Amino acid sequence: KRTTGQHPGGLVVIPQDMEICDFCPAQHPADDKDTDIITTHFEYHCME
């Protein structure tokens, strides 16, 4: 692992009765605190 990023158009939808942390942590891409974007911490293929 060198850095983290985001899929250009991929959106992961969490079931209404659950939270993102039931599956994985969430984070800003490349640890950029100034961005509004929040991504899944794990690579999305792990959860597809």
All heavy atoms as atom14 arrays in JSON, in Angstrom:
{
  "sequence": "KRTTGQHPGGLVVIPQDMEICDFCPAQHPADDKDTDIITTHFEYHCME",
  "atom14_mask": [
    [1, 1, 1, 1, 1, 1, 1, 1, 1, 0, 0, 0, 0, 0],
    [1, 1, 1, 1, 1, 1, 1, 1, 1, 1, 1, 0, 0, 0],
    [1, 1, 1, 1, 1, 1, 1, 0, 0, 0, 0, 0, 0, 0],
    [1, 1, 1, 1, 1, 1, 1, 0, 0, 0, 0, 0, 0, 0],
    [1, 1, 1, 1, 0, 0, 0, 0, 0, 0, 0, 0, 0, 0],
    [1, 1, 1, 1, 1, 1, 1, 1, 1, 0, 0, 0, 0, 0],
    [1, 1, 1, 1, 1, 1, 1, 1, 1, 1, 0, 0, 0, 0],
    [1, 1, 1, 1, 1, 1, 1, 0, 0, 0, 0, 0, 0, 0],
    [1, 1, 1, 1, 0, 0, 0, 0, 0, 0, 0, 0, 0, 0],
    [1, 1, 1, 1, 0, 0, 0, 0, 0, 0, 0, 0, 0, 0],
    [1, 1, 1, 1, 1, 1, 1, 1, 0, 0, 0, 0, 0, 0],
    [1, 1, 1, 1, 1, 1, 1, 0, 0, 0, 0, 0, 0, 0],
    [1, 1, 1, 1, 1, 1, 1, 0, 0, 0, 0, 0, 0, 0],
    [1, 1, 1, 1, 1, 1, 1, 1, 0, 0, 0, 0, 0, 0],
    [1, 1, 1, 1, 1, 1, 1, 0, 0, 0, 0, 0, 0, 0],
    [1, 1, 1, 1, 1, 1, 1, 1, 1, 0, 0, 0, 0, 0],
    [1, 1, 1, 1, 1, 1, 1, 1, 0, 0, 0, 0, 0, 0],
    [1, 1, 1, 1, 1, 1, 1, 1, 0, 0, 0, 0, 0, 0],
    [1, 1, 1, 1, 1, 1, 1, 1, 1, 0, 0, 0, 0, 0],
    [1, 1, 1, 1, 1, 1, 1, 1, 0, 0, 0, 0, 0, 0],
    [1, 1, 1, 1, 1, 1, 0, 0, 0, 0, 0, 0, 0, 0],
    [1, 1, 1, 1, 1, 1, 1, 1, 0, 0, 0, 0, 0, 0],
    [1, 1, 1, 1, 1, 1, 1, 1, 1, 1, 1, 0, 0, 0],
    [1, 1, 1, 1, 1, 1, 0, 0, 0, 0, 0, 0, 0, 0],
    [1, 1, 1, 1, 1, 1, 1, 0, 0, 0, 0, 0, 0, 0],
    [1, 1, 1, 1, 1, 0, 0, 0, 0, 0, 0, 0, 0, 0],
    [1, 1, 1, 1, 1, 1, 1, 1, 1, 0, 0, 0, 0, 0],
    [1, 1, 1, 1, 1, 1, 1, 1, 1, 1, 0, 0, 0, 0],
    [1, 1, 1, 1, 1, 1, 1, 0, 0, 0, 0, 0, 0, 0],
    [1, 1, 1, 1, 1, 0, 0, 0, 0, 0, 0, 0, 0, 0],
    [1, 1, 1, 1, 1, 1, 1, 1, 0, 0, 0, 0, 0, 0],
    [1, 1, 1, 1, 1, 1, 1, 1, 0, 0, 0, 0, 0, 0],
    [1, 1, 1, 1, 1, 1, 1, 1, 1, 0, 0, 0, 0, 0],
    [1, 1, 1, 1, 1, 1, 1, 1, 0, 0, 0, 0, 0, 0],
    [1, 1, 1, 1, 1, 1, 1, 0, 0, 0, 0, 0, 0, 0],
    [1, 1, 1, 1, 1, 1, 1, 1, 0, 0, 0, 0, 0, 0],
    [1, 1, 1, 1, 1, 1, 1, 1, 0, 0, 0, 0, 0, 0],
    [1, 1, 1, 1, 1, 1, 1, 1, 0, 0, 0, 0, 0, 0],
    [1, 1, 1, 1, 1, 1, 1, 0, 0, 0, 0, 0, 0, 0],
    [1, 1, 1, 1, 1, 1, 1, 0, 0, 0, 0, 0, 0, 0],
    [1, 1, 1, 1, 1, 1, 1, 1, 1, 1, 0, 0, 0, 0],
    [1, 1, 1, 1, 1, 1, 1, 1, 1, 1, 1, 0, 0, 0],
    [1, 1, 1, 1, 1, 1, 1, 1, 1, 0, 0, 0, 0, 0],
    [1, 1, 1, 1, 1, 1, 1, 1, 1, 1, 1, 1, 0, 0],
    [1, 1, 1, 1, 1, 1, 1, 1, 1, 1, 0, 0, 0, 0],
    [1, 1, 1, 1, 1, 1, 0, 0, 0, 0, 0, 0, 0, 0],
    [1, 1, 1, 1, 1, 1, 1, 1, 0, 0, 0, 0, 0, 0],
    [1, 1, 1, 1, 1, 1, 1, 1, 1, 0, 0, 0, 0, 0]
  ],
  "atom14_positions": [
    [[0.83, -1.22, 0.0], [0.0, 0.0, 0.0], [0.86, 1.26, 0.0], [1.76, 1.42, 0.82], [-0.91, 0.0, 1.23], [-1.76, 1.27, 1.37], [-2.6, 1.22, 2.63], [-3.27, 2.54, 2.88], [-4.03, 2.58, 4.13], [0.0, 0.0, 0.0], [0.0, 0.0, 0.0], [0.0, 0.0, 0.0], [0.0, 0.0, 0.0], [0.0, 0.0, 0.0]],
    [[0.56, 2.14, -0.97], [1.28, 3.4, -1.08], [0.38, 4.57, -0.72], [0.79, 5.52, -0.06], [1.81, 3.55, -2.51], [2.75, 4.72, -2.7], [3.24, 4.77, -4.13], [4.22, 5.84, -4.32], [4.68, 6.21, -5.5], [4.26, 5.61, -6.6], [5.55, 7.2, -5.59], [0.0, 0.0, 0.0], [0.0, 0.0, 0.0], [0.0, 0.0, 0.0]],
    [[-0.86, 4.5, -1.19], [-1.84, 5.55, -0.88], [-3.24, 4.98, -1.07], [-3.4, 3.84, -1.54], [-1.64, 6.78, -1.79], [-2.52, 7.83, -1.37], [-1.94, 6.45, -3.25], [0.0, 0.0, 0.0], [0.0, 0.0, 0.0], [0.0, 0.0, 0.0], [0.0, 0.0, 0.0], [0.0, 0.0, 0.0], [0.0, 0.0, 0.0], [0.0, 0.0, 0.0]],
    [[-4.22, 5.75, -0.7], [-5.61, 5.35, -0.93], [-6.26, 6.34, -1.88], [-5.81, 7.48, -2.02], [-6.41, 5.3, 0.38], [-6.39, 6.6, 0.98], [-5.83, 4.29, 1.34], [0.0, 0.0, 0.0], [0.0, 0.0, 0.0], [0.0, 0.0, 0.0], [0.0, 0.0, 0.0], [0.0, 0.0, 0.0], [0.0, 0.0, 0.0], [0.0, 0.0, 0.0]],
    [[-7.31, 5.9, -2.54], [-8.01, 6.77, -3.48], [-9.48, 6.43, -3.52], [-10.03, 5.85, -2.57], [0.0, 0.0, 0.0], [0.0, 0.0, 0.0], [0.0, 0.0, 0.0], [0.0, 0.0, 0.0], [0.0, 0.0, 0.0], [0.0, 0.0, 0.0], [0.0, 0.0, 0.0], [0.0, 0.0, 0.0], [0.0, 0.0, 0.0], [0.0, 0.0, 0.0]],
    [[-10.13, 6.77, -4.63], [-11.56, 6.52, -4.77], [-11.87, 6.07, -6.18], [-11.21, 6.48, -7.14], [-12.35, 7.78, -4.44], [-11.95, 8.97, -5.29], [-12.7, 10.22, -4.93], [-13.91, 10.23, -4.95], [-11.97, 11.29, -4.63], [0.0, 0.0, 0.0], [0.0, 0.0, 0.0], [0.0, 0.0, 0.0], [0.0, 0.0, 0.0], [0.0, 0.0, 0.0]],
    [[-12.86, 5.23, -6.31], [-13.35, 4.79, -7.61], [-13.99, 6.01, -8.29], [-14.64, 6.82, -7.64], [-14.39, 3.69, -7.4], [-14.85, 3.01, -8.65], [-15.77, 3.57, -9.5], [-14.51, 1.82, -9.2], [-15.98, 2.76, -10.51], [-15.24, 1.68, -10.35], [0.0, 0.0, 0.0], [0.0, 0.0, 0.0], [0.0, 0.0, 0.0], [0.0, 0.0, 0.0]],
    [[-13.8, 6.18, -9.61], [-14.33, 7.38, -10.28], [-15.84, 7.55, -10.21], [-16.34, 8.67, -10.28], [-13.87, 7.22, -11.73], [-13.51, 5.78, -11.88], [-13.04, 5.33, -10.55], [0.0, 0.0, 0.0], [0.0, 0.0, 0.0], [0.0, 0.0, 0.0], [0.0, 0.0, 0.0], [0.0, 0.0, 0.0], [0.0, 0.0, 0.0], [0.0, 0.0, 0.0]],
    [[-16.57, 6.44, -10.05], [-18.02, 6.59, -10.0], [-18.69, 5.6, -9.07], [-19.92, 5.56, -8.99], [0.0, 0.0, 0.0], [0.0, 0.0, 0.0], [0.0, 0.0, 0.0], [0.0, 0.0, 0.0], [0.0, 0.0, 0.0], [0.0, 0.0, 0.0], [0.0, 0.0, 0.0], [0.0, 0.0, 0.0], [0.0, 0.0, 0.0], [0.0, 0.0, 0.0]],
    [[-17.92, 4.79, -8.38], [-18.48, 3.73, -7.54], [-19.0, 4.24, -6.21], [-18.28, 4.93, -5.48], [0.0, 0.0, 0.0], [0.0, 0.0, 0.0], [0.0, 0.0, 0.0], [0.0, 0.0, 0.0], [0.0, 0.0, 0.0], [0.0, 0.0, 0.0], [0.0, 0.0, 0.0], [0.0, 0.0, 0.0], [0.0, 0.0, 0.0], [0.0, 0.0, 0.0]],
    [[-20.25, 3.91, -5.9], [-20.86, 4.28, -4.63], [-21.31, 3.01, -3.92], [-22.04, 2.19, -4.49], [-22.06, 5.19, -4.85], [-21.8, 6.53, -5.55], [-23.11, 7.27, -5.8], [-20.86, 7.39, -4.74], [0.0, 0.0, 0.0], [0.0, 0.0, 0.0], [0.0, 0.0, 0.0], [0.0, 0.0, 0.0], [0.0, 0.0, 0.0], [0.0, 0.0, 0.0]],
    [[-20.88, 2.83, -2.68], [-21.28, 1.67, -1.87], [-22.47, 2.08, -1.02], [-22.43, 3.11, -0.33], [-20.11, 1.2, -0.97], [-20.57, 0.11, -0.03], [-18.95, 0.71, -1.83], [0.0, 0.0, 0.0], [0.0, 0.0, 0.0], [0.0, 0.0, 0.0], [0.0, 0.0, 0.0], [0.0, 0.0, 0.0], [0.0, 0.0, 0.0], [0.0, 0.0, 0.0]],
    [[-23.55, 1.29, -1.09], [-24.78, 1.6, -0.36], [-24.92, 0.63, 0.81], [-24.93, -0.59, 0.63], [-26.02, 1.51, -1.28], [-27.29, 1.86, -0.5], [-25.86, 2.43, -2.49], [0.0, 0.0, 0.0], [0.0, 0.0, 0.0], [0.0, 0.0, 0.0], [0.0, 0.0, 0.0], [0.0, 0.0, 0.0], [0.0, 0.0, 0.0], [0.0, 0.0, 0.0]],
    [[-25.03, 1.18, 2.02], [-25.15, 0.4, 3.25], [-26.64, 0.16, 3.55], [-27.45, 1.08, 3.41], [-24.5, 1.14, 4.44], [-23.05, 1.55, 4.1], [-24.54, 0.31, 5.71], [-22.13, 0.41, 3.83], [0.0, 0.0, 0.0], [0.0, 0.0, 0.0], [0.0, 0.0, 0.0], [0.0, 0.0, 0.0], [0.0, 0.0, 0.0], [0.0, 0.0, 0.0]],
    [[-27.04, -1.06, 3.95], [-28.44, -1.3, 4.31], [-28.93, -0.31, 5.38], [-28.15, 0.14, 6.23], [-28.43, -2.73, 4.85], [-27.23, -3.37, 4.21], [-26.21, -2.27, 4.06], [0.0, 0.0, 0.0], [0.0, 0.0, 0.0], [0.0, 0.0, 0.0], [0.0, 0.0, 0.0], [0.0, 0.0, 0.0], [0.0, 0.0, 0.0], [0.0, 0.0, 0.0]],
    [[-30.21, 0.03, 5.32], [-30.77, 1.07, 6.19], [-30.66, 0.72, 7.68], [-30.59, 1.61, 8.52], [-32.24, 1.32, 5.83], [-32.43, 2.0, 4.47], [-31.81, 3.39, 4.43], [-32.08, 4.22, 5.28], [-30.97, 3.64, 3.43], [0.0, 0.0, 0.0], [0.0, 0.0, 0.0], [0.0, 0.0, 0.0], [0.0, 0.0, 0.0], [0.0, 0.0, 0.0]],
    [[-30.67, -0.57, 8.02], [-30.61, -0.96, 9.44], [-29.18, -1.2, 9.92], [-28.98, -1.75, 11.0], [-31.47, -2.2, 9.68], [-31.0, -3.39, 8.84], [-30.29, -3.16, 7.84], [-31.35, -4.53, 9.19], [0.0, 0.0, 0.0], [0.0, 0.0, 0.0], [0.0, 0.0, 0.0], [0.0, 0.0, 0.0], [0.0, 0.0, 0.0], [0.0, 0.0, 0.0]],
    [[-28.2, -0.79, 9.13], [-26.81, -1.02, 9.51], [-26.0, 0.25, 9.29], [-26.49, 1.23, 8.71], [-26.22, -2.18, 8.7], [-27.02, -3.46, 8.81], [-26.25, -4.87, 8.0], [-25.21, -5.47, 9.31], [0.0, 0.0, 0.0], [0.0, 0.0, 0.0], [0.0, 0.0, 0.0], [0.0, 0.0, 0.0], [0.0, 0.0, 0.0], [0.0, 0.0, 0.0]],
    [[-24.75, 0.24, 9.75], [-23.85, 1.38, 9.59], [-22.59, 0.92, 8.88], [-22.26, -0.27, 8.85], [-23.49, 1.97, 10.95], [-24.69, 2.53, 11.7], [-24.29, 3.09, 13.06], [-23.08, 3.05, 13.38], [-25.18, 3.55, 13.78], [0.0, 0.0, 0.0], [0.0, 0.0, 0.0], [0.0, 0.0, 0.0], [0.0, 0.0, 0.0], [0.0, 0.0, 0.0]],
    [[-21.84, 1.89, 8.33], [-20.62, 1.57, 7.59], [-19.64, 0.79, 8.47], [-18.96, -0.13, 8.0], [-19.95, 2.86, 7.03], [-18.69, 2.52, 6.2], [-19.62, 3.84, 8.13], [-18.94, 1.74, 4.95], [0.0, 0.0, 0.0], [0.0, 0.0, 0.0], [0.0, 0.0, 0.0], [0.0, 0.0, 0.0], [0.0, 0.0, 0.0], [0.0, 0.0, 0.0]],
    [[-19.6, 1.11, 9.76], [-18.62, 0.46, 10.65], [-18.98, -1.0, 10.94], [-18.18, -1.74, 11.52], [-18.49, 1.23, 11.96], [-17.67, 2.83, 11.72], [0.0, 0.0, 0.0], [0.0, 0.0, 0.0], [0.0, 0.0, 0.0], [0.0, 0.0, 0.0], [0.0, 0.0, 0.0], [0.0, 0.0, 0.0], [0.0, 0.0, 0.0], [0.0, 0.0, 0.0]],
    [[-20.19, -1.42, 10.54], [-20.51, -2.85, 10.64], [-19.73, -3.64, 9.6], [-19.64, -4.88, 9.7], [-22.02, -3.07, 10.42], [-22.85, -2.51, 11.57], [-22.35, -2.53, 12.71], [-23.98, -2.07, 11.32], [0.0, 0.0, 0.0], [0.0, 0.0, 0.0], [0.0, 0.0, 0.0], [0.0, 0.0, 0.0], [0.0, 0.0, 0.0], [0.0, 0.0, 0.0]],
    [[-19.2, -2.95, 8.6], [-18.47, -3.62, 7.53], [-17.0, -3.23, 7.5], [-16.13, -4.08, 7.32], [-19.11, -3.27, 6.17], [-20.53, -3.71, 6.04], [-21.58, -2.86, 6.41], [-20.84, -4.98, 5.59], [-22.89, -3.27, 6.3], [-22.16, -5.39, 5.48], [-23.19, -4.54, 5.85], [0.0, 0.0, 0.0], [0.0, 0.0, 0.0], [0.0, 0.0, 0.0]],
    [[-16.72, -1.95, 7.66], [-15.33, -1.5, 7.62], [-15.26, -0.06, 8.12], [-16.29, 0.62, 8.19], [-14.77, -1.59, 6.2], [-15.35, -0.3, 5.08], [0.0, 0.0, 0.0], [0.0, 0.0, 0.0], [0.0, 0.0, 0.0], [0.0, 0.0, 0.0], [0.0, 0.0, 0.0], [0.0, 0.0, 0.0], [0.0, 0.0, 0.0], [0.0, 0.0, 0.0]],
    [[-14.08, 0.43, 8.46], [-13.95, 1.86, 8.79], [-14.17, 2.72, 7.54], [-14.16, 2.22, 6.42], [-12.5, 1.98, 9.28], [-12.04, 0.58, 9.53], [-12.81, -0.28, 8.59], [0.0, 0.0, 0.0], [0.0, 0.0, 0.0], [0.0, 0.0, 0.0], [0.0, 0.0, 0.0], [0.0, 0.0, 0.0], [0.0, 0.0, 0.0], [0.0, 0.0, 0.0]],
    [[-14.38, 4.01, 7.74], [-14.49, 4.96, 6.62], [-13.39, 6.0, 6.77], [-12.91, 6.24, 7.88], [-15.87, 5.62, 6.63], [0.0, 0.0, 0.0], [0.0, 0.0, 0.0], [0.0, 0.0, 0.0], [0.0, 0.0, 0.0], [0.0, 0.0, 0.0], [0.0, 0.0, 0.0], [0.0, 0.0, 0.0], [0.0, 0.0, 0.0], [0.0, 0.0, 0.0]],
    [[-13.01, 6.63, 5.67], [-11.89, 7.58, 5.73], [-11.97, 8.55, 4.57], [-12.74, 8.39, 3.64], [-10.57, 6.82, 5.64], [-10.36, 6.15, 4.29], [-9.04, 5.39, 4.23], [-8.65, 4.75, 5.19], [-8.39, 5.46, 3.09], [0.0, 0.0, 0.0], [0.0, 0.0, 0.0], [0.0, 0.0, 0.0], [0.0, 0.0, 0.0], [0.0, 0.0, 0.0]],
    [[-11.14, 9.6, 4.66], [-10.96, 10.5, 3.52], [-9.91, 9.9, 2.6], [-8.92, 9.32, 3.08], [-10.47, 11.88, 4.0], [-11.45, 12.61, 4.86], [-12.62, 13.12, 4.37], [-11.44, 12.91, 6.18], [-13.29, 13.72, 5.34], [-12.59, 13.59, 6.46], [0.0, 0.0, 0.0], [0.0, 0.0, 0.0], [0.0, 0.0, 0.0], [0.0, 0.0, 0.0]],
    [[-10.08, 9.99, 1.27], [-9.06, 9.41, 0.37], [-7.71, 10.1, 0.55], [-7.65, 11.32, 0.7], [-9.63, 9.68, -1.03], [-10.64, 10.77, -0.85], [-11.17, 10.63, 0.53], [0.0, 0.0, 0.0], [0.0, 0.0, 0.0], [0.0, 0.0, 0.0], [0.0, 0.0, 0.0], [0.0, 0.0, 0.0], [0.0, 0.0, 0.0], [0.0, 0.0, 0.0]],
    [[-6.66, 9.29, 0.56], [-5.28, 9.77, 0.74], [-5.12, 10.56, 2.03], [-4.24, 11.42, 2.14], [-4.83, 10.6, -0.46], [0.0, 0.0, 0.0], [0.0, 0.0, 0.0], [0.0, 0.0, 0.0], [0.0, 0.0, 0.0], [0.0, 0.0, 0.0], [0.0, 0.0, 0.0], [0.0, 0.0, 0.0], [0.0, 0.0, 0.0], [0.0, 0.0, 0.0]],
    [[-5.98, 10.28, 3.01], [-5.94, 10.95, 4.33], [-6.02, 12.46, 4.23], [-5.44, 13.19, 5.05], [-4.66, 10.55, 5.09], [-4.62, 9.06, 5.42], [-5.7, 8.49, 5.62], [-3.53, 8.48, 5.45], [0.0, 0.0, 0.0], [0.0, 0.0, 0.0], [0.0, 0.0, 0.0], [0.0, 0.0, 0.0], [0.0, 0.0, 0.0], [0.0, 0.0, 0.0]],
    [[-6.72, 12.94, 3.22], [-6.88, 14.39, 3.01], [-8.06, 14.89, 3.83], [-9.22, 14.69, 3.46], [-7.08, 14.67, 1.52], [-7.22, 16.16, 1.23], [-7.09, 16.97, 2.18], [-7.47, 16.51, 0.06], [0.0, 0.0, 0.0], [0.0, 0.0, 0.0], [0.0, 0.0, 0.0], [0.0, 0.0, 0.0], [0.0, 0.0, 0.0], [0.0, 0.0, 0.0]],
    [[-7.78, 15.54, 4.96], [-8.85, 15.98, 5.86], [-9.68, 17.13, 5.29], [-10.77, 17.41, 5.78], [-8.24, 16.43, 7.2], [-7.58, 15.3, 7.96], [-6.93, 15.81, 9.25], [-6.21, 14.69, 9.98], [-5.53, 15.19, 11.2], [0.0, 0.0, 0.0], [0.0, 0.0, 0.0], [0.0, 0.0, 0.0], [0.0, 0.0, 0.0], [0.0, 0.0, 0.0]],
    [[-9.16, 17.8, 4.27], [-9.85, 18.97, 3.72], [-10.93, 18.62, 2.7], [-11.68, 19.48, 2.27], [-8.84, 19.93, 3.07], [-7.85, 20.47, 4.08], [-8.26, 20.68, 5.24], [-6.68, 20.67, 3.72], [0.0, 0.0, 0.0], [0.0, 0.0, 0.0], [0.0, 0.0, 0.0], [0.0, 0.0, 0.0], [0.0, 0.0, 0.0], [0.0, 0.0, 0.0]],
    [[-10.98, 17.37, 2.27], [-11.99, 16.98, 1.29], [-13.3, 16.56, 1.96], [-13.28, 16.07, 3.1], [-11.48, 15.83, 0.38], [-12.49, 15.5, -0.56], [-11.16, 14.6, 1.19], [0.0, 0.0, 0.0], [0.0, 0.0, 0.0], [0.0, 0.0, 0.0], [0.0, 0.0, 0.0], [0.0, 0.0, 0.0], [0.0, 0.0, 0.0], [0.0, 0.0, 0.0]],
    [[-14.42, 16.75, 1.27], [-15.71, 16.33, 1.81], [-16.0, 14.86, 1.52], [-16.97, 14.3, 2.03], [-16.84, 17.18, 1.18], [-16.75, 18.64, 1.59], [-16.24, 18.9, 2.7], [-17.17, 19.51, 0.8], [0.0, 0.0, 0.0], [0.0, 0.0, 0.0], [0.0, 0.0, 0.0], [0.0, 0.0, 0.0], [0.0, 0.0, 0.0], [0.0, 0.0, 0.0]],
    [[-15.19, 14.26, 0.69], [-15.45, 12.88, 0.25], [-15.03, 11.89, 1.32], [-13.95, 12.01, 1.92], [-14.69, 12.59, -1.06], [-15.21, 13.51, -2.18], [-14.83, 11.13, -1.47], [-14.36, 13.52, -3.42], [0.0, 0.0, 0.0], [0.0, 0.0, 0.0], [0.0, 0.0, 0.0], [0.0, 0.0, 0.0], [0.0, 0.0, 0.0], [0.0, 0.0, 0.0]],
    [[-15.9, 10.92, 1.58], [-15.58, 9.85, 2.53], [-15.68, 8.52, 1.78], [-16.66, 8.24, 1.09], [-16.54, 9.85, 3.73], [-16.47, 11.19, 4.46], [-16.21, 8.71, 4.68], [-17.42, 11.32, 5.62], [0.0, 0.0, 0.0], [0.0, 0.0, 0.0], [0.0, 0.0, 0.0], [0.0, 0.0, 0.0], [0.0, 0.0, 0.0], [0.0, 0.0, 0.0]],
    [[-14.65, 7.69, 1.9], [-14.62, 6.4, 1.19], [-14.58, 5.24, 2.18], [-14.3, 5.42, 3.37], [-13.37, 6.3, 0.29], [-12.21, 6.17, 1.12], [-13.22, 7.52, -0.61], [0.0, 0.0, 0.0], [0.0, 0.0, 0.0], [0.0, 0.0, 0.0], [0.0, 0.0, 0.0], [0.0, 0.0, 0.0], [0.0, 0.0, 0.0], [0.0, 0.0, 0.0]],
    [[-14.83, 4.05, 1.65], [-14.62, 2.84, 2.46], [-13.12, 2.68, 2.68], [-12.32, 2.96, 1.78], [-15.17, 1.61, 1.73], [-14.51, 1.48, 0.46], [-16.66, 1.71, 1.51], [0.0, 0.0, 0.0], [0.0, 0.0, 0.0], [0.0, 0.0, 0.0], [0.0, 0.0, 0.0], [0.0, 0.0, 0.0], [0.0, 0.0, 0.0], [0.0, 0.0, 0.0]],
    [[-12.74, 2.24, 3.87], [-11.32, 2.07, 4.18], [-10.74, 0.9, 3.39], [-9.64, 1.0, 2.84], [-11.15, 1.82, 5.68], [-9.76, 1.46, 6.09], [-8.73, 2.37, 6.08], [-9.22, 0.27, 6.49], [-7.61, 1.77, 6.49], [-7.88, 0.5, 6.73], [0.0, 0.0, 0.0], [0.0, 0.0, 0.0], [0.0, 0.0, 0.0], [0.0, 0.0, 0.0]],
    [[-11.51, -0.19, 3.32], [-11.04, -1.35, 2.57], [-11.29, -1.15, 1.09], [-12.21, -0.44, 0.69], [-11.74, -2.62, 3.05], [-11.43, -3.0, 4.46], [-12.42, -3.49, 5.29], [-10.15, -2.86, 4.98], [-12.15, -3.84, 6.6], [-9.86, -3.2, 6.29], [-10.86, -3.69, 7.11], [0.0, 0.0, 0.0], [0.0, 0.0, 0.0], [0.0, 0.0, 0.0]],
    [[-10.48, -1.8, 0.28], [-10.67, -1.77, -1.17], [-12.03, -2.39, -1.47], [-12.38, -3.44, -0.94], [-9.55, -2.59, -1.82], [-9.11, -2.07, -3.15], [-9.84, -2.72, -4.29], [-10.5, -3.74, -4.06], [-9.76, -2.22, -5.41], [0.0, 0.0, 0.0], [0.0, 0.0, 0.0], [0.0, 0.0, 0.0], [0.0, 0.0, 0.0], [0.0, 0.0, 0.0]],
    [[-12.82, -1.72, -2.32], [-14.24, -2.1, -2.47], [-14.42, -3.52, -3.0], [-15.45, -4.16, -2.73], [-14.97, -1.11, -3.37], [-14.57, -1.14, -4.83], [-15.28, -1.91, -5.74], [-13.49, -0.4, -5.29], [-14.91, -1.95, -7.07], [-13.12, -0.42, -6.62], [-13.83, -1.2, -7.51], [-13.47, -1.24, -8.83], [0.0, 0.0, 0.0], [0.0, 0.0, 0.0]],
    [[-13.43, -4.08, -3.72], [-13.57, -5.45, -4.21], [-13.72, -6.45, -3.06], [-14.31, -7.51, -3.23], [-12.36, -5.85, -5.06], [-12.4, -5.29, -6.45], [-13.45, -5.53, -7.31], [-11.52, -4.5, -7.14], [-13.22, -4.92, -8.47], [-12.07, -4.28, -8.38], [0.0, 0.0, 0.0], [0.0, 0.0, 0.0], [0.0, 0.0, 0.0], [0.0, 0.0, 0.0]],
    [[-13.18, -6.08, -1.89], [-13.28, -6.98, -0.73], [-14.72, -7.15, -0.26], [-15.04, -8.13, 0.41], [-12.45, -6.43, 0.44], [-10.72, -6.19, 0.08], [0.0, 0.0, 0.0], [0.0, 0.0, 0.0], [0.0, 0.0, 0.0], [0.0, 0.0, 0.0], [0.0, 0.0, 0.0], [0.0, 0.0, 0.0], [0.0, 0.0, 0.0], [0.0, 0.0, 0.0]],
    [[-15.57, -6.17, -0.6], [-16.93, -6.18, -0.05], [-18.02, -6.29, -1.11], [-19.19, -6.27, -0.79], [-17.16, -4.89, 0.75], [-16.19, -4.69, 1.88], [-16.37, -3.07, 2.63], [-15.68, -2.04, 1.35], [0.0, 0.0, 0.0], [0.0, 0.0, 0.0], [0.0, 0.0, 0.0], [0.0, 0.0, 0.0], [0.0, 0.0, 0.0], [0.0, 0.0, 0.0]],
    [[-17.62, -6.41, -2.38], [-18.63, -6.31, -3.43], [-19.6, -7.49, -3.44], [-20.69, -7.4, -4.01], [-17.97, -6.16, -4.8], [-17.11, -7.31, -5.25], [-16.43, -7.04, -6.58], [-16.66, -5.95, -7.15], [-15.67, -7.9, -7.05], [0.0, 0.0, 0.0], [0.0, 0.0, 0.0], [0.0, 0.0, 0.0], [0.0, 0.0, 0.0], [0.0, 0.0, 0.0]]
  ]
}
